[in-house]
Amino acid sequence: MNIELTSRHYEASAKVREYAREELEKLNKYDHFVSSCRVILEKSKEGEVVEIYIHVSGKDLVCSESSDDIIKSIDLAVENMARQLRRFKEKRYAH
């Protein structure tokens, strides 16, 4: 899976970027669906925001999670995206 990481309003550390990549690798079990993945790490008034955009065959899946910690936001966003990919797979292959 090709992952594009972007940070807004601050420079994300190498440790945070590596953690995000490792967490997104967990979505590899759905890799045959995924054609591209874009992640935005953002610092805002509400806290640390993580947005994940994944393009799967014929559809775009988007999730956004925010919390007071970037690591927690990454975990929540990856969990949310895994749920969306599972639902997509179930709908696609339901008989």
C-alpha atoms as a PDB file:
ATOM      1  CA  MET A   1       0.000   0.000   0.000  1.00  0.00           C
ATOM      2  CA  ASN A   2       1.340   3.419  -0.958  1.00  0.00           C
ATOM      3  CA  ILE A   3       0.990   5.808   2.004  1.00  0.00           C
ATOM      4  CA  GLU A   4       1.288   9.589   1.648  1.00  0.00           C
ATOM      5  CA  LEU A   5       1.826  11.374   4.987  1.00  0.00           C
ATOM      6  CA  THR A   6       1.307  15.122   5.376  1.00  0.00           C
ATOM      7  CA  SER A   7       1.454  17.298   8.475  1.00  0.00           C
ATOM      8  CA  ARG A   8      -0.359  20.627   8.791  1.00  0.00           C
ATOM      9  CA  HIS A   9       0.523  23.540  11.068  1.00  0.00           C
ATOM     10  CA  TYR A  10       3.528  21.705  12.540  1.00  0.00           C
ATOM     11  CA  GLU A  11       6.302  19.312  11.588  1.00  0.00           C
ATOM     12  CA  ALA A  12       5.497  15.779  12.717  1.00  0.00           C
ATOM     13  CA  SER A  13       8.465  13.992  14.237  1.00  0.00           C
ATOM     14  CA  ALA A  14      10.011  10.960  12.558  1.00  0.00           C
ATOM     15  CA  LYS A  15       8.787   8.836  15.469  1.00  0.00           C
ATOM     16  CA  VAL A  16       5.159   9.897  14.906  1.00  0.00           C
ATOM     17  CA  ARG A  17       5.432   9.354  11.142  1.00  0.00           C
ATOM     18  CA  GLU A  18       6.904   5.875  11.660  1.00  0.00           C
ATOM     19  CA  TYR A  19       4.184   4.999  14.189  1.00  0.00           C
ATOM     20  CA  ALA A  20       1.487   6.112  11.722  1.00  0.00           C
ATOM     21  CA  ARG A  21       3.032   3.952   8.974  1.00  0.00           C
ATOM     22  CA  GLU A  22       3.200   0.933  11.291  1.00  0.00           C
ATOM     23  CA  GLU A  23      -0.432   1.341  12.306  1.00  0.00           C
ATOM     24  CA  LEU A  24      -1.572   1.757   8.691  1.00  0.00           C
ATOM     25  CA  GLU A  25       0.265  -1.453   7.781  1.00  0.00           C
ATOM     26  CA  LYS A  26      -2.401  -3.224   9.849  1.00  0.00           C
ATOM     27  CA  LEU A  27      -4.824  -2.353   7.040  1.00  0.00           C
ATOM     28  CA  ASN A  28      -2.734  -4.470   4.636  1.00  0.00           C
ATOM     29  CA  LYS A  29      -5.151  -7.377   4.976  1.00  0.00           C
ATOM     30  CA  TYR A  30      -7.497  -5.236   2.858  1.00  0.00           C
ATOM     31  CA  ASP A  31      -4.671  -4.279   0.481  1.00  0.00           C
ATOM     32  CA  HIS A  32      -6.260  -5.825  -2.592  1.00  0.00           C
ATOM     33  CA  PHE A  33      -9.069  -3.250  -2.264  1.00  0.00           C
ATOM     34  CA  VAL A  34      -6.916  -0.196  -1.546  1.00  0.00           C
ATOM     35  CA  SER A  35      -5.413   1.756  -4.442  1.00  0.00           C
ATOM     36  CA  SER A  36      -4.166   4.806  -2.506  1.00  0.00           C
ATOM     37  CA  CYS A  37      -3.932   6.079   1.057  1.00  0.00           C
ATOM     38  CA  ARG A  38      -3.431   9.684   2.213  1.00  0.00           C
ATOM     39  CA  VAL A  39      -2.963  10.657   5.862  1.00  0.00           C
ATOM     40  CA  ILE A  40      -3.034  14.191   7.260  1.00  0.00           C
ATOM     41  CA  LEU A  41      -1.687  14.898  10.745  1.00  0.00           C
ATOM     42  CA  GLU A  42      -2.880  18.263  12.002  1.00  0.00           C
ATOM     43  CA  LYS A  43      -2.524  20.371  15.130  1.00  0.00           C
ATOM     44  CA  SER A  44      -5.577  22.551  15.784  1.00  0.00           C
ATOM     45  CA  LYS A  45      -7.465  24.288  18.582  1.00  0.00           C
ATOM     46  CA  GLU A  46      -9.512  21.134  19.166  1.00  0.00           C
ATOM     47  CA  GLY A  47      -6.354  19.057  19.643  1.00  0.00           C
ATOM     48  CA  GLU A  48      -4.437  16.640  17.452  1.00  0.00           C
ATOM     49  CA  VAL A  49      -6.426  15.624  14.366  1.00  0.00           C
ATOM     50  CA  VAL A  50      -5.747  12.673  12.065  1.00  0.00           C
ATOM     51  CA  GLU A  51      -7.564  12.339   8.744  1.00  0.00           C
ATOM     52  CA  ILE A  52      -7.286   9.210   6.592  1.00  0.00           C
ATOM     53  CA  TYR A  53      -8.409   9.123   2.959  1.00  0.00           C
ATOM     54  CA  ILE A  54      -8.406   5.729   1.254  1.00  0.00           C
ATOM     55  CA  HIS A  55      -9.476   5.091  -2.323  1.00  0.00           C
ATOM     56  CA  VAL A  56     -10.871   1.618  -2.867  1.00  0.00           C
ATOM     57  CA  SER A  57     -12.271   0.252  -6.078  1.00  0.00           C
ATOM     58  CA  GLY A  58     -15.044   2.676  -7.012  1.00  0.00           C
ATOM     59  CA  LYS A  59     -15.303   4.448  -3.664  1.00  0.00           C
ATOM     60  CA  ASP A  60     -13.461   6.860  -1.343  1.00  0.00           C
ATOM     61  CA  LEU A  61     -13.428   6.142   2.382  1.00  0.00           C
ATOM     62  CA  VAL A  62     -12.706   9.009   4.773  1.00  0.00           C
ATOM     63  CA  CYS A  63     -12.311   9.165   8.524  1.00  0.00           C
ATOM     64  CA  SER A  64     -11.231  11.888  10.900  1.00  0.00           C
ATOM     65  CA  GLU A  65     -10.440  11.530  14.589  1.00  0.00           C
ATOM     66  CA  SER A  66      -9.210  14.058  17.130  1.00  0.00           C
ATOM     67  CA  SER A  67      -7.959  13.851  20.689  1.00  0.00           C
ATOM     68  CA  ASP A  68      -5.431  15.522  22.960  1.00  0.00           C
ATOM     69  CA  ASP A  69      -2.626  13.170  21.807  1.00  0.00           C
ATOM     70  CA  ILE A  70      -1.515  12.463  18.217  1.00  0.00           C
ATOM     71  CA  ILE A  71      -0.784   8.777  18.958  1.00  0.00           C
ATOM     72  CA  LYS A  72      -4.277   8.299  20.390  1.00  0.00           C
ATOM     73  CA  SER A  73      -5.768  10.059  17.340  1.00  0.00           C
ATOM     74  CA  ILE A  74      -3.820   7.750  14.995  1.00  0.00           C
ATOM     75  CA  ASP A  75      -5.072   4.667  16.862  1.00  0.00           C
ATOM     76  CA  LEU A  76      -8.694   5.862  16.756  1.00  0.00           C
ATOM     77  CA  ALA A  77      -8.507   6.767  13.055  1.00  0.00           C
ATOM     78  CA  VAL A  78      -6.941   3.432  12.034  1.00  0.00           C
ATOM     79  CA  GLU A  79      -9.567   1.558  14.055  1.00  0.00           C
ATOM     80  CA  ASN A  80     -12.325   3.583  12.371  1.00  0.00           C
ATOM     81  CA  MET A  81     -10.873   2.949   8.894  1.00  0.00           C
ATOM     82  CA  ALA A  82     -10.521  -0.785   9.569  1.00  0.00           C
ATOM     83  CA  ARG A  83     -14.214  -0.860  10.492  1.00  0.00           C
ATOM     84  CA  GLN A  84     -15.131   0.960   7.251  1.00  0.00           C
ATOM     85  CA  LEU A  85     -12.991  -1.410   5.152  1.00  0.00           C
ATOM     86  CA  ARG A  86     -14.544  -4.450   6.870  1.00  0.00           C
ATOM     87  CA  ARG A  87     -18.029  -3.099   6.137  1.00  0.00           C
ATOM     88  CA  PHE A  88     -17.070  -2.391   2.525  1.00  0.00           C
ATOM     89  CA  LYS A  89     -15.737  -5.938   2.110  1.00  0.00           C
ATOM     90  CA  GLU A  90     -18.865  -7.472   3.683  1.00  0.00           C
ATOM     91  CA  LYS A  91     -21.174  -5.487   1.410  1.00  0.00           C
ATOM     92  CA  ARG A  92     -19.115  -6.267  -1.680  1.00  0.00           C
ATOM     93  CA  TYR A  93     -18.965 -10.029  -1.044  1.00  0.00           C
ATOM     94  CA  ALA A  94     -22.301 -10.637   0.714  1.00  0.00           C
ATOM     95  CA  HIS A  95     -24.304 -13.345  -1.018  1.00  0.00           C
END
